[in-house]
C-alpha atoms as a PDB file:
ATOM      1  CA  UNK A   1      -2.630 -16.178 -10.677  1.00  0.00           C
ATOM      2  CA  UNK A   2      -0.478 -14.356 -13.228  1.00  0.00           C
ATOM      3  CA  UNK A   3       3.265 -14.043 -13.007  1.00  0.00           C
ATOM      4  CA  UNK A   4       4.952 -10.645 -13.103  1.00  0.00           C
ATOM      5  CA  UNK A   5       8.311 -10.210 -14.784  1.00  0.00           C
ATOM      6  CA  UNK A   6      10.913  -8.841 -12.388  1.00  0.00           C
ATOM      7  CA  UNK A   7      13.006  -5.815 -13.345  1.00  0.00           C
ATOM      8  CA  UNK A   8      16.686  -6.782 -13.804  1.00  0.00           C
ATOM      9  CA  UNK A   9      19.078  -4.500 -11.899  1.00  0.00           C
ATOM     10  CA  UNK A  10      22.801  -4.481 -11.272  1.00  0.00           C
ATOM     11  CA  UNK A  11      25.569  -2.497  -9.653  1.00  0.00           C
ATOM     12  CA  UNK A  12      24.907   0.449 -11.982  1.00  0.00           C
ATOM     13  CA  UNK A  13      21.417   0.899 -10.463  1.00  0.00           C
ATOM     14  CA  UNK A  14      22.505   1.103  -6.801  1.00  0.00           C
ATOM     15  CA  UNK A  15      21.932   4.877  -6.701  1.00  0.00           C
ATOM     16  CA  UNK A  16      18.421   4.542  -8.126  1.00  0.00           C
ATOM     17  CA  UNK A  17      17.598   1.742  -5.688  1.00  0.00           C
ATOM     18  CA  UNK A  18      18.778   3.751  -2.674  1.00  0.00           C
ATOM     19  CA  UNK A  19      16.991   6.935  -3.765  1.00  0.00           C
ATOM     20  CA  UNK A  20      13.647   5.252  -4.522  1.00  0.00           C
ATOM     21  CA  UNK A  21      10.838   5.953  -2.081  1.00  0.00           C
ATOM     22  CA  UNK A  22       8.533   3.178  -0.977  1.00  0.00           C
ATOM     23  CA  UNK A  23       9.216  -0.538  -0.778  1.00  0.00           C
ATOM     24  CA  UNK A  24      11.449  -2.468  -3.153  1.00  0.00           C
ATOM     25  CA  UNK A  25      11.973  -6.221  -2.964  1.00  0.00           C
ATOM     26  CA  UNK A  26      15.187  -7.429  -4.621  1.00  0.00           C
ATOM     27  CA  UNK A  27      15.948 -11.090  -5.241  1.00  0.00           C
ATOM     28  CA  UNK A  28      19.679 -11.740  -5.638  1.00  0.00           C
ATOM     29  CA  UNK A  29      20.371 -15.157  -7.078  1.00  0.00           C
ATOM     30  CA  UNK A  30      22.444 -17.066  -9.608  1.00  0.00           C
ATOM     31  CA  UNK A  31      21.416 -19.269 -12.524  1.00  0.00           C
ATOM     32  CA  UNK A  32      23.082 -22.272 -10.840  1.00  0.00           C
ATOM     33  CA  UNK A  33      21.299 -21.667  -7.525  1.00  0.00           C
ATOM     34  CA  UNK A  34      18.292 -24.001  -7.281  1.00  0.00           C
ATOM     35  CA  UNK A  35      16.898 -22.208  -4.232  1.00  0.00           C
ATOM     36  CA  UNK A  36      17.135 -18.911  -6.121  1.00  0.00           C
ATOM     37  CA  UNK A  37      15.141 -20.375  -9.018  1.00  0.00           C
ATOM     38  CA  UNK A  38      12.431 -21.468  -6.587  1.00  0.00           C
ATOM     39  CA  UNK A  39      12.448 -18.069  -4.850  1.00  0.00           C
ATOM     40  CA  UNK A  40      12.178 -16.282  -8.205  1.00  0.00           C
ATOM     41  CA  UNK A  41       9.052 -18.257  -9.088  1.00  0.00           C
ATOM     42  CA  UNK A  42       7.505 -17.445  -5.707  1.00  0.00           C
ATOM     43  CA  UNK A  43       8.332 -13.728  -5.988  1.00  0.00           C
ATOM     44  CA  UNK A  44       7.053 -13.517  -9.583  1.00  0.00           C
ATOM     45  CA  UNK A  45       3.790 -15.137  -8.500  1.00  0.00           C
ATOM     46  CA  UNK A  46       3.143 -12.793  -5.564  1.00  0.00           C
ATOM     47  CA  UNK A  47       4.398  -9.600  -7.248  1.00  0.00           C
ATOM     48  CA  UNK A  48       1.109  -9.083  -9.101  1.00  0.00           C
ATOM     49  CA  UNK A  49      -0.712  -8.770  -5.751  1.00  0.00           C
ATOM     50  CA  UNK A  50       1.457  -5.871  -4.566  1.00  0.00           C
ATOM     51  CA  UNK A  51       1.133  -3.124  -7.183  1.00  0.00           C
ATOM     52  CA  UNK A  52       2.650  -0.436  -4.910  1.00  0.00           C
ATOM     53  CA  UNK A  53       5.852  -2.456  -4.382  1.00  0.00           C
ATOM     54  CA  UNK A  54       8.757  -2.452  -6.813  1.00  0.00           C
ATOM     55  CA  UNK A  55      10.148  -5.942  -7.496  1.00  0.00           C
ATOM     56  CA  UNK A  56      13.580  -6.533  -8.988  1.00  0.00           C
ATOM     57  CA  UNK A  57      16.159  -9.245  -9.470  1.00  0.00           C
ATOM     58  CA  UNK A  58      19.943  -9.058  -9.559  1.00  0.00           C
ATOM     59  CA  UNK A  59      22.556 -11.621 -10.528  1.00  0.00           C
ATOM     60  CA  UNK A  60      24.792 -12.323  -7.542  1.00  0.00           C
ATOM     61  CA  UNK A  61      28.000 -12.854  -9.564  1.00  0.00           C
ATOM     62  CA  UNK A  62      27.628  -9.834 -11.838  1.00  0.00           C
ATOM     63  CA  UNK A  63      26.526  -7.454  -9.038  1.00  0.00           C
ATOM     64  CA  UNK A  64      29.253  -7.770  -6.362  1.00  0.00           C
ATOM     65  CA  UNK A  65      28.840  -4.190  -5.094  1.00  0.00           C
ATOM     66  CA  UNK A  66      25.113  -4.699  -4.563  1.00  0.00           C
ATOM     67  CA  UNK A  67      25.751  -7.972  -2.695  1.00  0.00           C
ATOM     68  CA  UNK A  68      28.410  -6.302  -0.540  1.00  0.00           C
ATOM     69  CA  UNK A  69      26.214  -3.259   0.170  1.00  0.00           C
ATOM     70  CA  UNK A  70      23.531  -5.507   1.638  1.00  0.00           C
ATOM     71  CA  UNK A  71      26.012  -7.933   3.249  1.00  0.00           C
ATOM     72  CA  UNK A  72      24.841 -10.902   1.209  1.00  0.00           C
ATOM     73  CA  UNK A  73      27.524 -13.588   1.389  1.00  0.00           C
ATOM     74  CA  UNK A  74      25.900 -16.138  -0.938  1.00  0.00           C
ATOM     75  CA  UNK A  75      22.746 -16.478  -3.005  1.00  0.00           C
ATOM     76  CA  UNK A  76      19.842 -16.506  -2.744  1.00  0.00           C
ATOM     77  CA  UNK A  77      18.986 -13.365  -0.888  1.00  0.00           C
ATOM     78  CA  UNK A  78      15.689 -11.556  -0.714  1.00  0.00           C
ATOM     79  CA  UNK A  79      16.204  -7.919   0.251  1.00  0.00           C
ATOM     80  CA  UNK A  80      13.422  -5.659   1.505  1.00  0.00           C
ATOM     81  CA  UNK A  81      14.382  -2.017   0.985  1.00  0.00           C
ATOM     82  CA  UNK A  82      12.186   0.859   2.148  1.00  0.00           C
ATOM     83  CA  UNK A  83      13.043   4.443   1.253  1.00  0.00           C
ATOM     84  CA  UNK A  84      16.630   3.386   0.489  1.00  0.00           C
ATOM     85  CA  UNK A  85      17.192   1.473   3.741  1.00  0.00           C
ATOM     86  CA  UNK A  86      17.451  -2.294   4.122  1.00  0.00           C
ATOM     87  CA  UNK A  87      14.685  -3.284   6.533  1.00  0.00           C
ATOM     88  CA  UNK A  88      14.811  -7.068   6.191  1.00  0.00           C
ATOM     89  CA  UNK A  89      16.955  -9.735   4.518  1.00  0.00           C
ATOM     90  CA  UNK A  90      16.091 -13.391   3.916  1.00  0.00           C
ATOM     91  CA  UNK A  91      18.961 -15.717   3.036  1.00  0.00           C
ATOM     92  CA  UNK A  92      17.180 -19.061   2.779  1.00  0.00           C
ATOM     93  CA  UNK A  93      14.165 -20.470   0.940  1.00  0.00           C
ATOM     94  CA  UNK A  94      10.974 -18.975   2.364  1.00  0.00           C
ATOM     95  CA  UNK A  95       7.279 -19.495   1.721  1.00  0.00           C
ATOM     96  CA  UNK A  96       5.091 -17.139  -0.275  1.00  0.00           C
ATOM     97  CA  UNK A  97       3.061 -16.537   2.889  1.00  0.00           C
ATOM     98  CA  UNK A  98       6.090 -15.337   4.851  1.00  0.00           C
ATOM     99  CA  UNK A  99       7.230 -13.095   1.982  1.00  0.00           C
ATOM    100  CA  UNK A 100       3.731 -11.609   1.703  1.00  0.00           C
ATOM    101  CA  UNK A 101       3.675 -11.013   5.466  1.00  0.00           C
ATOM    102  CA  UNK A 102       7.008  -9.170   5.310  1.00  0.00           C
ATOM    103  CA  UNK A 103       5.814  -7.051   2.374  1.00  0.00           C
ATOM    104  CA  UNK A 104       2.645  -6.094   4.263  1.00  0.00           C
ATOM    105  CA  UNK A 105       4.748  -5.133   7.310  1.00  0.00           C
ATOM    106  CA  UNK A 106       7.159  -3.095   5.176  1.00  0.00           C
ATOM    107  CA  UNK A 107       4.325  -1.237   3.469  1.00  0.00           C
ATOM    108  CA  UNK A 108       2.943   0.050   6.806  1.00  0.00           C
END
């Protein structure tokens, strides 16, 4: 299975994120966060299977407005945004199967 590089976003892309139609999955993590590193690998591996979903990553420390907007108190956080609205948030390590299940549900 091939990995897909995640688009890097930050506070300056909040408007674009909220105005985008469809499903966007955003991983907020930090370089020092081991769980975030694991989550990034999982998300990169499953991203290639969901061509209609936008995948992005944001650095928790350098994107405080984004973290506050989605009420993320510490990394990692996996945010599922559909048509500009947060529909689900995961704040702990989660399996690829569970993430895939949530993406399928969001795409309905």
